[in-house]
Each structure stands twice: as C-alpha cells, then as structure tokens.
C-alpha cells in the first residue's frame, strides 16, 4: 500500500494536510483507489487544527474531499 503525504490541498471544503496510504479497491467493478487517512488537519485562522478522524463529522468530511485528494496524488505521480 503506497503511502502519501499531502502538505497542503485547497478544496471547496477548506485547506487540508493529510497523511495515510492508498488502498486499491477490492470491488471487481471499481478501478478507483481509496484512501486510508491516518492524520488530517484543517487550516484555521490561527494555524493547523488536528481533526479526530474517528468522528462521524470528520468521516463525512473525508468522504467529501477524498476524490480531490486522489486526483492530487495521481497528478504528482511520476509516469
């Protein structure tokens, strides 16, 4: 499972930094990878704020930003 580290990504839902690893889908009909996020921060007015990835609210937020993060990771991969 390849690891990733995004130091800053701008999304409509906020500015984030996150680390984790990429999980290839186990579903035979899906070629889309998924992210297993280990650490997620959001940029607040006073700096980075760590989010509790175990809460439902943060899981919902991860779902909202996951596709943008996957595209970001894929755009930075070497051919």
Protein backbone atom coordinates (compact mmCIF):
# COMPACT_ATOMS: atom_id res chain seq x y z
CA UNK A 1 0.00 0.00 0.00
CA UNK A 2 1.72 3.18 -1.16
CA UNK A 3 1.90 5.94 1.41
CA UNK A 4 1.06 9.54 0.70
CA UNK A 5 1.66 12.89 2.35
CA UNK A 6 -0.23 15.96 1.16
CA UNK A 7 1.27 19.05 2.78
CA UNK A 8 -1.49 21.37 1.55
CA UNK A 9 -4.55 20.91 -0.62
CA UNK A 10 -7.14 23.59 -1.33
CA UNK A 11 -10.70 22.29 -1.66
CA UNK A 12 -14.15 23.91 -1.59
CA UNK A 13 -14.42 22.46 1.94
CA UNK A 14 -11.25 24.04 3.26
CA UNK A 15 -7.47 23.76 3.18
CA UNK A 16 -6.12 20.46 4.46
CA UNK A 17 -2.96 18.48 5.08
CA UNK A 18 -3.13 14.73 5.43
CA UNK A 19 -1.15 11.52 5.55
CA UNK A 20 -2.07 7.92 5.03
CA UNK A 21 -1.90 5.22 2.39
CA UNK A 22 -3.66 4.29 -0.81
CA UNK A 23 -5.88 1.21 -0.85
CA UNK A 24 -6.79 -0.36 -4.17
CA UNK A 25 -10.46 -1.24 -4.30
CA UNK A 26 -11.41 -4.83 -3.57
CA UNK A 27 -14.51 -4.46 -5.73
CA UNK A 28 -14.01 -6.03 -9.18
CA UNK A 29 -16.11 -3.32 -10.85
CA UNK A 30 -14.14 -0.45 -9.38
CA UNK A 31 -10.73 0.74 -10.52
CA UNK A 32 -10.76 3.71 -8.19
CA UNK A 33 -8.36 3.68 -5.28
CA UNK A 34 -9.47 4.68 -1.82
CA UNK A 35 -7.55 6.50 0.88
CA UNK A 36 -6.88 5.29 4.39
CA UNK A 37 -6.19 8.56 6.20
CA UNK A 38 -4.04 8.36 9.31
CA UNK A 39 -3.85 12.08 10.10
CA UNK A 40 -5.96 15.03 8.92
CA UNK A 41 -5.53 18.72 9.71
CA UNK A 42 -7.57 21.70 8.55
CA UNK A 43 -6.14 25.19 8.28
CA UNK A 44 -7.92 27.53 10.67
CA UNK A 45 -7.39 31.23 11.26
CA UNK A 46 -4.69 30.51 13.88
CA UNK A 47 -2.95 27.65 12.08
CA UNK A 48 -3.38 23.93 11.59
CA UNK A 49 -6.06 22.16 13.63
CA UNK A 50 -5.93 18.37 14.00
CA UNK A 51 -9.23 16.64 13.29
CA UNK A 52 -10.34 13.49 15.06
CA UNK A 53 -10.66 11.03 12.17
CA UNK A 54 -12.82 8.71 14.30
CA UNK A 55 -15.82 11.08 14.45
CA UNK A 56 -18.76 10.87 12.05
CA UNK A 57 -18.35 14.53 11.12
CA UNK A 58 -14.73 14.04 10.10
CA UNK A 59 -15.56 10.84 8.21
CA UNK A 60 -18.23 12.79 6.29
CA UNK A 61 -15.65 15.48 5.51
CA UNK A 62 -13.14 12.86 4.35
CA UNK A 63 -15.78 11.47 2.02
CA UNK A 64 -16.27 14.97 0.56
CA UNK A 65 -12.57 15.60 -0.10
CA UNK A 66 -11.38 12.08 -0.95
CA UNK A 67 -11.77 12.32 -4.73
CA UNK A 68 -9.89 15.63 -4.86
CA UNK A 69 -7.11 14.12 -2.76
CA UNK A 70 -6.87 11.08 -5.05
CA UNK A 71 -6.64 13.35 -8.10
CA UNK A 72 -3.97 15.41 -6.33
CA UNK A 73 -1.91 12.29 -5.54
CA UNK A 74 -2.28 10.91 -9.07
CA UNK A 75 -1.24 14.22 -10.63
CA UNK A 76 2.00 14.12 -8.64
CA UNK A 77 2.95 10.53 -9.51
CA UNK A 78 5.85 10.02 -11.87
CA UNK A 79 4.96 8.39 -15.21
